[in-house]
Amino acid sequence: MAEVGRTKHRGGIVDADLVLRDGTSDLTADELTQAFTMNNGNPTQHIMALYVLVPQVTGSTTLKVTVRCTTTGRKIEVTHTDNFDSATAYPFLACIPLPPTQGTAWNYDLNVGGGSEDFGAVEVYLGLVDNAVVPTA
């Protein structure tokens, strides 16, 4: 039985408040400007990361993840691109560390490469960098 406020994902047990894309639909096209809030920013003593769990991809393609935070007078942007082909092991978990900041307003984009790729039920969630786990099928 799952704990209240927690949800089981292929990446492990994740606090429901940290799930940004729950994987109930397949990622088949770009998803732009998905906003989220980190109420206390991203403190240096507990660095957060954006995790992207890709269950499968048909064919060869890319997935580019861009994460942004805007604070007073400063813009932060992190971009991460993965190439997928027949040699890629699935499920695939990308851990994208977010830079420390007091900024609370964040957003992310998922840009799929090519035309009609289906990345499956992609999950996106926040977690501590040191809590990285290897997903199980």
Protein backbone atom coordinates (compact mmCIF):
# COMPACT_ATOMS: atom_id res chain seq x y z
CA MET A 1 0.00 0.00 0.00
CA ALA A 2 1.40 3.42 -0.98
CA GLU A 3 1.84 6.09 1.68
CA VAL A 4 -0.53 9.07 1.62
CA GLY A 5 0.90 11.80 -0.60
CA ARG A 6 3.34 9.44 -2.29
CA THR A 7 3.02 7.68 -5.60
CA LYS A 8 4.85 4.71 -7.10
CA HIS A 9 6.60 5.38 -10.38
CA ARG A 10 8.97 3.22 -12.37
CA GLY A 11 11.74 5.38 -10.88
CA GLY A 12 10.67 4.37 -7.33
CA ILE A 13 8.42 5.95 -4.70
CA VAL A 14 8.09 9.70 -5.33
CA ASP A 15 6.26 12.33 -3.29
CA ALA A 16 3.12 13.15 -5.30
CA ASP A 17 3.86 16.89 -5.01
CA LEU A 18 7.12 16.37 -6.89
CA VAL A 19 5.56 14.63 -9.91
CA LEU A 20 5.41 17.06 -12.85
CA ARG A 21 4.36 14.62 -15.61
CA ASP A 22 2.73 11.44 -14.37
CA GLY A 23 3.07 9.26 -17.45
CA THR A 24 -0.65 8.78 -18.02
CA SER A 25 -0.18 9.84 -21.64
CA ASP A 26 2.50 9.12 -24.22
CA LEU A 27 4.99 11.81 -25.22
CA THR A 28 4.57 12.09 -29.00
CA ALA A 29 5.11 15.83 -29.57
CA ASP A 30 6.85 18.80 -27.94
CA GLU A 31 5.53 19.87 -24.55
CA LEU A 32 6.53 23.47 -23.92
CA THR A 33 6.57 25.70 -20.84
CA GLN A 34 5.38 23.26 -18.22
CA ALA A 35 5.49 25.45 -15.08
CA PHE A 36 6.28 24.34 -11.53
CA THR A 37 7.15 26.02 -8.23
CA MET A 38 9.91 25.24 -5.77
CA ASN A 39 8.73 27.14 -2.69
CA ASN A 40 12.17 27.45 -1.09
CA GLY A 41 14.19 27.67 -4.28
CA ASN A 42 17.01 25.15 -4.77
CA PRO A 43 19.28 25.41 -1.70
CA THR A 44 22.95 24.46 -2.01
CA GLN A 45 22.78 21.88 0.78
CA HIS A 46 20.04 19.81 -0.94
CA ILE A 47 20.49 20.11 -4.69
CA MET A 48 17.38 19.07 -6.61
CA ALA A 49 17.31 17.50 -10.04
CA LEU A 50 14.70 17.08 -12.74
CA TYR A 51 14.31 13.37 -13.53
CA VAL A 52 12.97 12.26 -16.91
CA LEU A 53 12.04 8.59 -17.20
CA VAL A 54 11.65 7.33 -20.79
CA PRO A 55 10.11 3.83 -20.95
CA GLN A 56 10.76 3.22 -24.66
CA VAL A 57 11.37 4.87 -28.02
CA THR A 58 10.73 3.47 -31.45
CA GLY A 59 13.51 4.24 -33.92
CA SER A 60 16.38 6.72 -33.59
CA THR A 61 15.69 10.20 -32.29
CA THR A 62 16.56 12.79 -29.64
CA LEU A 63 14.86 14.28 -26.60
CA LYS A 64 15.95 17.74 -25.48
CA VAL A 65 14.97 18.89 -21.98
CA THR A 66 15.28 22.58 -21.11
CA VAL A 67 14.74 23.81 -17.55
CA ARG A 68 14.47 27.52 -16.71
CA CYS A 69 14.26 29.69 -13.60
CA THR A 70 13.93 33.47 -13.63
CA THR A 71 14.90 35.46 -10.56
CA THR A 72 15.26 39.20 -10.09
CA GLY A 73 17.71 40.30 -12.73
CA ARG A 74 18.92 36.78 -13.53
CA LYS A 75 17.86 33.98 -15.86
CA ILE A 76 19.00 30.41 -15.34
CA GLU A 77 18.71 27.82 -18.10
CA VAL A 78 19.89 24.22 -18.23
CA THR A 79 19.62 22.19 -21.44
CA HIS A 80 20.15 18.43 -21.69
CA THR A 81 19.87 16.32 -24.87
CA ASP A 82 19.83 12.53 -25.12
CA ASN A 83 20.17 10.50 -28.32
CA PHE A 84 18.10 7.33 -28.56
CA ASP A 85 18.72 4.42 -30.92
CA SER A 86 18.53 0.62 -31.00
CA ALA A 87 21.45 0.36 -28.54
CA THR A 88 19.68 2.40 -25.81
CA ALA A 89 18.66 0.40 -22.75
CA TYR A 90 15.11 1.00 -21.50
CA PRO A 91 13.69 2.25 -19.28
CA PHE A 92 16.07 5.23 -19.56
CA LEU A 93 16.45 7.71 -16.68
CA ALA A 94 17.97 11.16 -17.17
CA CYS A 95 18.99 13.06 -14.02
CA ILE A 96 19.39 16.79 -14.72
CA PRO A 97 20.84 18.66 -11.69
CA LEU A 98 19.36 22.12 -11.18
CA PRO A 99 21.65 24.99 -10.17
CA PRO A 100 21.30 26.45 -6.64
CA THR A 101 19.09 29.54 -6.52
CA GLN A 102 16.54 31.31 -4.35
CA GLY A 103 14.24 31.46 -7.40
CA THR A 104 10.91 29.70 -7.00
CA ALA A 105 9.29 29.97 -10.46
CA TRP A 106 10.54 27.28 -12.85
CA ASN A 107 9.43 25.71 -16.12
CA TYR A 108 10.59 22.96 -18.41
CA ASP A 109 10.24 22.01 -22.08
CA LEU A 110 10.38 18.55 -23.64
CA ASN A 111 11.41 18.79 -27.31
CA VAL A 112 11.14 15.58 -29.33
CA GLY A 113 13.44 15.17 -32.32
CA GLY A 114 12.21 14.38 -35.79
CA GLY A 115 8.60 13.75 -36.68
CA SER A 116 6.31 11.08 -35.27
CA GLU A 117 8.29 9.54 -32.40
CA ASP A 118 6.51 7.90 -29.49
CA PHE A 119 8.53 8.02 -26.28
CA GLY A 120 5.87 6.11 -24.35
CA ALA A 121 4.45 7.20 -21.00
CA VAL A 122 7.29 9.56 -20.03
CA GLU A 123 7.41 10.58 -16.37
CA VAL A 124 8.99 13.81 -15.09
CA TYR A 125 9.59 14.47 -11.40
CA LEU A 126 11.83 16.33 -8.96
CA GLY A 127 14.17 14.60 -6.53
CA LEU A 128 17.44 15.06 -4.72
CA VAL A 129 20.53 14.52 -6.85
CA ASP A 130 21.93 11.99 -4.35
CA ASN A 131 18.71 9.95 -4.51
CA ALA A 132 19.24 8.88 -8.12
CA VAL A 133 17.90 5.38 -8.68
CA VAL A 134 18.09 2.97 -11.56
CA PRO A 135 14.54 2.25 -12.80
CA THR A 136 13.23 -1.27 -13.08
CA ALA A 137 11.18 -2.51 -15.99
